[in-house]
N, C-alpha and C. Protein backbone atom coordinates (compact mmCIF):
# COMPACT_ATOMS: atom_id res chain seq x y z
N MET A 1 44.61 -26.73 10.70
CA MET A 1 44.33 -25.30 11.02
C MET A 1 43.59 -24.57 10.03
N ASN A 2 44.16 -24.77 8.72
CA ASN A 2 43.53 -24.20 7.54
C ASN A 2 42.10 -24.54 7.35
N ASN A 3 41.89 -25.70 7.65
CA ASN A 3 40.42 -26.26 7.59
C ASN A 3 39.50 -25.49 8.30
N LYS A 4 39.89 -25.37 9.72
CA LYS A 4 39.06 -24.61 10.71
C LYS A 4 38.82 -23.24 10.29
N LYS A 5 39.96 -22.46 9.75
CA LYS A 5 39.86 -21.16 9.42
C LYS A 5 38.72 -21.04 8.27
N SER A 6 38.87 -21.90 7.39
CA SER A 6 37.96 -21.85 6.29
C SER A 6 36.45 -22.16 6.59
N LEU A 7 36.31 -23.07 7.39
CA LEU A 7 35.07 -23.40 7.95
C LEU A 7 34.56 -22.31 8.71
N PHE A 8 35.31 -21.60 9.57
CA PHE A 8 34.93 -20.45 10.37
C PHE A 8 34.50 -19.33 9.37
N VAL A 9 35.20 -19.12 8.34
CA VAL A 9 34.92 -17.97 7.36
C VAL A 9 33.81 -18.51 6.66
N ALA A 10 33.51 -19.58 6.25
CA ALA A 10 32.25 -20.00 5.52
C ALA A 10 30.89 -19.78 6.41
N ALA A 11 31.20 -20.05 7.71
CA ALA A 11 29.97 -20.15 8.68
C ALA A 11 29.61 -18.56 8.88
N ILE A 12 30.71 -17.66 9.04
CA ILE A 12 30.50 -16.17 9.13
C ILE A 12 29.83 -15.63 7.82
N CYS A 13 30.07 -16.11 6.75
CA CYS A 13 29.60 -15.65 5.46
C CYS A 13 28.25 -16.30 5.41
N ALA A 14 27.80 -17.37 5.91
CA ALA A 14 26.48 -17.96 5.75
C ALA A 14 25.45 -17.26 6.63
N VAL A 15 26.17 -16.83 7.86
CA VAL A 15 25.12 -15.95 8.75
C VAL A 15 24.95 -14.59 8.18
N LEU A 16 25.97 -13.98 7.67
CA LEU A 16 25.87 -12.78 7.12
C LEU A 16 24.88 -12.79 5.87
N PHE A 17 25.05 -13.62 4.97
CA PHE A 17 24.22 -13.88 3.87
C PHE A 17 22.61 -14.02 4.25
N LEU A 18 22.60 -15.01 5.30
CA LEU A 18 21.15 -15.30 5.66
C LEU A 18 20.41 -14.01 6.46
N SER A 19 21.10 -13.53 7.14
CA SER A 19 20.74 -12.28 7.82
C SER A 19 20.21 -11.20 7.03
N GLY A 20 20.68 -11.06 5.77
CA GLY A 20 20.28 -10.13 4.74
C GLY A 20 18.83 -10.42 4.18
N PHE A 21 18.55 -11.75 4.33
CA PHE A 21 17.10 -12.14 3.89
C PHE A 21 16.19 -11.69 4.97
N GLN A 22 16.51 -11.60 6.13
CA GLN A 22 15.57 -11.15 7.26
C GLN A 22 15.13 -9.75 7.17
N SER A 23 16.17 -8.93 6.71
CA SER A 23 15.76 -7.64 6.71
C SER A 23 14.89 -7.09 5.39
N ALA A 24 14.82 -8.13 4.37
CA ALA A 24 14.11 -7.70 3.19
C ALA A 24 12.60 -7.63 3.57
N ARG A 25 12.15 -6.67 2.93
CA ARG A 25 10.53 -6.51 3.27
C ARG A 25 9.74 -7.36 2.25
N ALA A 26 8.74 -8.02 2.81
CA ALA A 26 7.71 -8.48 1.78
C ALA A 26 6.57 -7.72 1.70
N ASP A 27 5.89 -7.75 0.63
CA ASP A 27 4.56 -6.95 0.19
C ASP A 27 3.59 -7.51 1.38
N THR A 28 2.73 -6.64 1.75
CA THR A 28 1.59 -7.25 2.72
C THR A 28 0.27 -7.03 1.71
N LEU A 29 -0.07 -8.23 1.24
CA LEU A 29 -1.28 -8.20 0.33
C LEU A 29 -2.55 -8.20 0.83
N VAL A 30 -3.38 -7.19 0.31
CA VAL A 30 -4.71 -6.83 0.87
C VAL A 30 -5.77 -7.05 -0.01
N SER A 31 -6.54 -8.00 0.43
CA SER A 31 -7.83 -8.36 -0.65
C SER A 31 -9.06 -8.28 0.10
N ALA A 32 -9.06 -8.19 1.58
CA ALA A 32 -10.32 -8.13 2.46
C ALA A 32 -10.75 -6.83 2.99
N ASP A 33 -11.96 -6.85 3.03
CA ASP A 33 -12.54 -5.55 3.32
C ASP A 33 -12.09 -5.19 4.82
N ILE A 34 -12.06 -3.80 5.30
CA ILE A 34 -11.72 -3.46 6.53
C ILE A 34 -12.90 -3.13 7.36
N ILE A 35 -13.22 -4.04 8.35
CA ILE A 35 -14.47 -4.05 8.81
C ILE A 35 -14.40 -3.85 10.44
N GLN A 36 -13.03 -3.59 10.90
CA GLN A 36 -12.82 -2.91 12.21
C GLN A 36 -11.67 -1.88 11.93
N ASP A 37 -11.57 -1.17 13.08
CA ASP A 37 -10.58 -0.16 13.14
C ASP A 37 -9.29 -0.83 12.93
N THR A 38 -8.35 -0.23 11.91
CA THR A 38 -7.21 -0.91 11.45
C THR A 38 -5.91 0.13 11.23
N VAL A 39 -4.77 -0.17 11.58
CA VAL A 39 -3.58 0.66 11.34
C VAL A 39 -2.68 -0.05 10.38
N TRP A 40 -2.36 0.64 9.36
CA TRP A 40 -1.21 0.09 8.42
C TRP A 40 0.02 0.80 8.89
N THR A 41 1.03 0.06 8.93
CA THR A 41 2.30 0.75 9.59
C THR A 41 3.21 0.81 8.41
N LYS A 42 4.41 1.71 8.60
CA LYS A 42 5.48 1.73 7.67
C LYS A 42 6.23 0.53 7.55
N ALA A 43 6.32 -0.09 8.87
CA ALA A 43 7.23 -1.32 8.98
C ALA A 43 6.65 -2.48 8.09
N ASP A 44 5.24 -2.56 7.75
CA ASP A 44 4.73 -3.51 7.19
C ASP A 44 4.50 -3.28 5.71
N SER A 45 4.90 -2.04 5.21
CA SER A 45 4.70 -1.71 3.83
C SER A 45 5.66 -2.40 3.03
N PRO A 46 5.39 -2.42 1.63
CA PRO A 46 4.27 -1.77 1.10
C PRO A 46 2.90 -2.86 1.34
N TYR A 47 1.84 -2.08 1.25
CA TYR A 47 0.55 -2.73 1.30
C TYR A 47 0.04 -2.72 -0.31
N VAL A 48 -0.31 -3.89 -0.78
CA VAL A 48 -0.63 -3.96 -2.11
C VAL A 48 -2.22 -4.56 -2.19
N ILE A 49 -2.84 -3.60 -2.79
CA ILE A 49 -4.30 -3.77 -2.97
C ILE A 49 -4.52 -4.75 -4.24
N THR A 50 -4.72 -6.14 -3.89
CA THR A 50 -4.96 -7.11 -4.88
C THR A 50 -6.38 -7.26 -5.41
N GLU A 51 -7.31 -6.89 -4.56
CA GLU A 51 -8.77 -6.75 -4.91
C GLU A 51 -9.28 -5.48 -4.24
N SER A 52 -10.31 -4.91 -5.00
CA SER A 52 -10.75 -3.69 -4.44
C SER A 52 -11.46 -4.01 -3.13
N ILE A 53 -11.32 -2.94 -2.19
CA ILE A 53 -11.70 -3.31 -0.70
C ILE A 53 -12.51 -2.11 -0.25
N ILE A 54 -13.31 -2.43 0.67
CA ILE A 54 -14.28 -1.30 1.25
C ILE A 54 -13.70 -1.08 2.76
N VAL A 55 -13.77 0.20 3.20
CA VAL A 55 -13.52 0.71 4.51
C VAL A 55 -15.03 0.98 4.94
N TYR A 56 -15.69 0.04 5.72
CA TYR A 56 -16.94 0.00 6.19
C TYR A 56 -17.35 1.14 7.02
N PRO A 57 -18.50 1.76 7.02
CA PRO A 57 -19.13 2.77 7.90
C PRO A 57 -18.68 2.64 9.31
N ASP A 58 -18.28 3.75 9.97
CA ASP A 58 -18.03 3.72 11.40
C ASP A 58 -16.74 2.97 11.77
N VAL A 59 -15.89 2.70 10.80
CA VAL A 59 -14.52 2.10 10.91
C VAL A 59 -13.47 2.92 10.36
N THR A 60 -12.39 2.96 10.92
CA THR A 60 -11.26 3.78 10.69
C THR A 60 -10.08 2.97 10.21
N LEU A 61 -9.62 3.43 9.08
CA LEU A 61 -8.35 2.82 8.48
C LEU A 61 -7.32 4.04 8.65
N THR A 62 -6.26 3.79 9.62
CA THR A 62 -5.28 4.69 9.85
C THR A 62 -3.83 4.23 9.23
N LEU A 63 -3.11 5.21 8.51
CA LEU A 63 -1.89 4.90 7.74
C LEU A 63 -0.85 5.77 8.50
N GLU A 64 0.15 5.01 9.06
CA GLU A 64 1.23 5.72 9.71
C GLU A 64 2.06 6.47 8.64
N PRO A 65 2.67 7.62 9.06
CA PRO A 65 3.69 8.45 8.18
C PRO A 65 4.89 7.31 7.59
N GLY A 66 4.87 7.46 6.44
CA GLY A 66 5.94 6.44 5.61
C GLY A 66 5.25 5.30 4.93
N THR A 67 4.04 5.03 5.20
CA THR A 67 3.29 3.89 4.88
C THR A 67 3.34 3.92 3.19
N ILE A 68 3.52 2.88 2.60
CA ILE A 68 3.25 2.80 1.04
C ILE A 68 2.07 1.95 0.73
N VAL A 69 1.17 2.41 -0.12
CA VAL A 69 0.08 1.68 -0.74
C VAL A 69 0.31 1.68 -2.00
N ARG A 70 0.06 0.50 -2.72
CA ARG A 70 0.12 0.25 -4.10
C ARG A 70 -0.99 -0.61 -4.61
N PHE A 71 -1.42 -0.10 -5.76
CA PHE A 71 -2.61 -0.85 -6.33
C PHE A 71 -2.28 -1.82 -7.57
N ALA A 72 -2.64 -3.01 -7.39
CA ALA A 72 -2.31 -4.01 -8.38
C ALA A 72 -2.89 -3.72 -9.71
N PRO A 73 -2.47 -4.26 -10.77
CA PRO A 73 -2.95 -3.76 -12.04
C PRO A 73 -4.58 -4.35 -12.13
N MET A 74 -5.04 -3.77 -13.18
CA MET A 74 -6.64 -3.97 -13.25
C MET A 74 -6.92 -5.43 -13.65
N SER A 75 -8.24 -5.80 -13.49
CA SER A 75 -8.85 -6.92 -14.20
C SER A 75 -10.02 -6.56 -14.69
N GLY A 76 -10.35 -6.87 -15.95
CA GLY A 76 -11.41 -6.35 -16.56
C GLY A 76 -11.13 -5.01 -16.98
N ASN A 77 -12.02 -4.09 -16.83
CA ASN A 77 -11.87 -2.56 -17.29
C ASN A 77 -11.69 -1.73 -15.86
N ARG A 78 -11.41 -2.34 -14.94
CA ARG A 78 -11.20 -1.35 -13.82
C ARG A 78 -10.22 -1.79 -13.09
N GLY A 79 -9.44 -0.81 -12.29
CA GLY A 79 -8.37 -0.95 -11.43
C GLY A 79 -8.74 -1.41 -10.07
N LYS A 80 -7.97 -1.51 -9.22
CA LYS A 80 -8.36 -1.87 -7.80
C LYS A 80 -8.55 -0.48 -6.89
N TYR A 81 -9.46 -0.48 -6.03
CA TYR A 81 -9.82 0.71 -5.42
C TYR A 81 -9.77 0.39 -3.81
N ILE A 82 -9.65 1.50 -3.18
CA ILE A 82 -10.17 1.45 -1.80
C ILE A 82 -11.35 2.44 -1.67
N GLU A 83 -12.45 1.86 -1.39
CA GLU A 83 -13.69 2.47 -1.24
C GLU A 83 -14.09 2.85 0.14
N ILE A 84 -14.13 4.24 0.49
CA ILE A 84 -14.07 4.66 1.83
C ILE A 84 -15.47 5.13 2.20
N TYR A 85 -16.15 4.28 2.88
CA TYR A 85 -17.51 4.63 3.48
C TYR A 85 -17.28 5.08 5.02
N GLY A 86 -16.18 4.62 5.74
CA GLY A 86 -15.85 5.10 6.84
C GLY A 86 -14.82 6.24 7.05
N LYS A 87 -13.74 5.99 7.57
CA LYS A 87 -12.87 7.10 7.80
C LYS A 87 -11.53 6.61 7.27
N LEU A 88 -10.73 7.39 6.54
CA LEU A 88 -9.34 7.32 6.18
C LEU A 88 -8.65 8.32 6.93
N ILE A 89 -7.68 8.01 7.67
CA ILE A 89 -6.76 8.90 8.33
C ILE A 89 -5.25 8.57 7.77
N ALA A 90 -4.89 9.29 6.90
CA ALA A 90 -3.50 9.34 6.32
C ALA A 90 -2.85 10.61 6.53
N VAL A 91 -2.15 10.62 7.62
CA VAL A 91 -1.24 11.79 8.02
C VAL A 91 0.14 11.57 7.93
N GLY A 92 0.76 11.96 6.84
CA GLY A 92 2.25 11.64 6.92
C GLY A 92 2.94 12.70 7.51
N ALA A 93 4.20 12.90 7.20
CA ALA A 93 5.08 14.04 7.73
C ALA A 93 5.82 14.63 6.46
N PRO A 94 6.17 15.90 6.55
CA PRO A 94 6.75 16.48 5.40
C PRO A 94 7.98 15.55 4.84
N GLU A 95 8.73 14.86 6.03
CA GLU A 95 9.85 14.35 5.54
C GLU A 95 9.59 12.77 5.36
N ASP A 96 8.39 12.28 5.64
CA ASP A 96 8.01 10.99 5.66
C ASP A 96 6.42 10.70 5.18
N LYS A 97 6.32 11.14 3.79
CA LYS A 97 5.20 11.10 3.39
C LYS A 97 4.52 9.59 3.18
N ILE A 98 3.16 9.63 3.17
CA ILE A 98 2.34 8.35 2.81
C ILE A 98 2.37 8.43 1.18
N ARG A 99 2.57 7.22 0.71
CA ARG A 99 2.75 7.14 -0.80
C ARG A 99 1.73 6.29 -1.35
N PHE A 100 0.81 6.65 -2.27
CA PHE A 100 -0.16 5.79 -2.94
C PHE A 100 0.36 5.73 -4.40
N SER A 101 0.44 4.58 -4.83
CA SER A 101 0.80 4.34 -6.48
C SER A 101 0.23 3.03 -7.04
N ALA A 102 0.49 2.95 -8.29
CA ALA A 102 0.15 1.62 -8.96
C ALA A 102 1.34 0.80 -8.89
N THR A 103 0.99 -0.46 -8.94
CA THR A 103 2.24 -1.50 -8.81
C THR A 103 2.98 -1.62 -10.18
N VAL A 104 2.39 -1.04 -11.30
CA VAL A 104 3.04 -1.15 -12.58
C VAL A 104 3.13 0.54 -12.97
N ASP A 105 4.26 0.71 -13.81
CA ASP A 105 4.12 2.06 -14.40
C ASP A 105 4.25 2.08 -15.82
N ASP A 106 3.44 1.39 -16.46
CA ASP A 106 3.28 1.32 -17.90
C ASP A 106 1.81 1.43 -18.39
N SER A 107 1.72 2.65 -18.91
CA SER A 107 0.31 3.06 -19.35
C SER A 107 -0.29 2.09 -20.53
N SER A 108 0.76 1.48 -21.16
CA SER A 108 0.32 0.44 -22.40
C SER A 108 -0.34 -0.67 -21.79
N LEU A 109 -0.30 -1.04 -20.49
CA LEU A 109 -1.09 -2.10 -20.06
C LEU A 109 -2.69 -1.77 -19.89
N CYS A 110 -2.97 -0.32 -19.93
CA CYS A 110 -4.27 -0.02 -19.73
C CYS A 110 -5.14 -0.08 -20.87
N GLY A 111 -4.51 -0.31 -22.15
CA GLY A 111 -5.25 -0.28 -23.33
C GLY A 111 -6.12 0.85 -23.60
N THR A 112 -7.64 0.77 -23.89
CA THR A 112 -8.23 1.99 -24.02
C THR A 112 -8.99 2.45 -22.78
N SER A 113 -8.75 1.68 -21.64
CA SER A 113 -9.40 2.05 -20.38
C SER A 113 -8.70 3.07 -19.62
N ASP A 114 -9.21 4.17 -19.24
CA ASP A 114 -8.66 5.36 -18.61
C ASP A 114 -9.03 4.99 -17.01
N ASN A 115 -9.44 3.85 -16.60
CA ASN A 115 -9.75 3.59 -15.27
C ASN A 115 -9.04 2.51 -14.86
N CYS A 116 -7.75 2.22 -15.29
CA CYS A 116 -7.03 0.89 -14.94
C CYS A 116 -6.21 0.81 -13.90
N ARG A 117 -5.70 1.91 -13.14
CA ARG A 117 -4.73 1.71 -12.30
C ARG A 117 -5.26 1.82 -10.94
N GLY A 118 -6.50 2.09 -10.69
CA GLY A 118 -7.24 2.17 -9.27
C GLY A 118 -6.75 3.43 -8.71
N GLY A 119 -7.26 3.44 -7.39
CA GLY A 119 -7.19 4.71 -6.48
C GLY A 119 -8.16 4.76 -5.26
N LEU A 120 -8.48 5.79 -4.88
CA LEU A 120 -9.36 6.08 -3.72
C LEU A 120 -10.77 6.66 -4.05
N SER A 121 -11.89 6.14 -3.38
CA SER A 121 -13.02 6.66 -3.61
C SER A 121 -13.60 6.76 -2.27
N PHE A 122 -14.06 8.23 -2.05
CA PHE A 122 -14.62 8.55 -0.84
C PHE A 122 -16.25 8.79 -1.02
N TYR A 123 -16.89 8.29 -0.16
CA TYR A 123 -18.37 8.32 -0.34
C TYR A 123 -18.65 9.45 0.80
N SER A 124 -20.04 9.96 0.83
CA SER A 124 -20.48 10.85 1.73
C SER A 124 -20.46 10.48 3.19
N GLU A 125 -20.53 8.98 3.33
CA GLU A 125 -20.38 8.55 4.80
C GLU A 125 -19.03 8.77 5.26
N ALA A 126 -18.08 9.17 4.40
CA ALA A 126 -16.64 9.02 4.82
C ALA A 126 -16.15 10.41 5.55
N SER A 127 -17.03 11.17 6.07
CA SER A 127 -16.79 12.39 6.76
C SER A 127 -15.88 12.37 8.07
N GLY A 128 -14.86 13.05 8.18
CA GLY A 128 -13.97 12.98 9.16
C GLY A 128 -12.73 12.23 8.54
N SER A 129 -12.61 12.07 7.46
CA SER A 129 -11.15 11.52 6.88
C SER A 129 -10.18 12.91 6.73
N GLN A 130 -8.86 12.22 6.86
CA GLN A 130 -8.01 13.33 6.85
C GLN A 130 -6.81 12.93 5.99
N ILE A 131 -6.39 13.62 5.09
CA ILE A 131 -5.28 13.45 4.20
C ILE A 131 -4.13 14.45 4.28
N GLU A 132 -3.10 14.29 4.81
CA GLU A 132 -2.07 15.42 4.74
C GLU A 132 -0.61 14.76 4.56
N HIS A 133 0.12 15.47 3.72
CA HIS A 133 1.64 15.04 3.45
C HIS A 133 1.64 13.62 2.72
N VAL A 134 0.76 13.52 1.67
CA VAL A 134 0.56 12.24 1.04
C VAL A 134 0.90 12.55 -0.47
N SER A 135 1.47 11.58 -1.13
CA SER A 135 1.74 11.65 -2.62
C SER A 135 0.96 10.54 -3.32
N PHE A 136 0.73 11.02 -4.52
CA PHE A 136 -0.18 10.06 -5.38
C PHE A 136 0.58 10.06 -6.65
N SER A 137 0.95 8.75 -7.23
CA SER A 137 1.69 8.70 -8.49
C SER A 137 0.98 7.51 -9.28
N ASN A 138 0.89 7.81 -10.49
CA ASN A 138 0.66 6.64 -11.46
C ASN A 138 -0.71 5.99 -10.98
N MET A 139 -1.56 6.83 -10.55
CA MET A 139 -2.92 6.27 -10.03
C MET A 139 -3.97 6.85 -11.06
N ASN A 140 -5.29 6.14 -11.01
CA ASN A 140 -6.02 6.81 -11.83
C ASN A 140 -6.82 7.77 -11.28
N SER A 141 -7.28 7.64 -9.99
CA SER A 141 -7.91 8.84 -9.48
C SER A 141 -8.18 8.81 -7.97
N VAL A 142 -8.47 10.00 -7.38
CA VAL A 142 -9.05 10.03 -6.01
C VAL A 142 -10.42 10.65 -6.17
N ASP A 143 -11.59 9.91 -6.04
CA ASP A 143 -12.92 10.34 -6.24
C ASP A 143 -13.72 10.62 -4.92
N ILE A 144 -14.23 11.80 -4.90
CA ILE A 144 -14.94 12.14 -3.83
C ILE A 144 -16.30 12.25 -4.21
N GLU A 145 -17.26 11.44 -3.93
CA GLU A 145 -18.68 11.28 -4.28
C GLU A 145 -19.64 11.51 -3.19
N GLY A 146 -20.85 12.30 -3.59
CA GLY A 146 -21.79 12.52 -2.83
C GLY A 146 -21.73 13.54 -1.89
N PHE A 147 -20.62 14.46 -1.78
CA PHE A 147 -20.62 15.45 -0.88
C PHE A 147 -21.38 16.60 -1.78
N ALA A 148 -22.02 17.28 -0.75
CA ALA A 148 -22.67 18.66 -1.33
C ALA A 148 -21.83 19.89 -1.35
């Protein structure tokens, strides 16, 4: 009888232990350009930009409230960027902001480069983009280029 109880308790512990791994979130690695309308969800966060990517003209990248986007460390003298020629719709909520940040929080990794952590670049073709209730931390920049 004692063996059956021990086996039962061990089985319950194993199930509880393994179920904890299912709830752990894995990073969604992003290295491919956005060539069709795409939605990034809070559930699939964080999205880690491992290579600079382009949101193509006439394409919309939509981020749900609570979505986390992180930029991988630089290679060479430049961080990873999302270059937006299409549209970025990043509309969070006051209690569920969209967050952009670097994957590392160590400025010593930048050396003499002030362009090492990546960020967002909007080009004149990107009209119609929306950014509300968004936080930016430990990033290089948000560039808006070519607007009159």
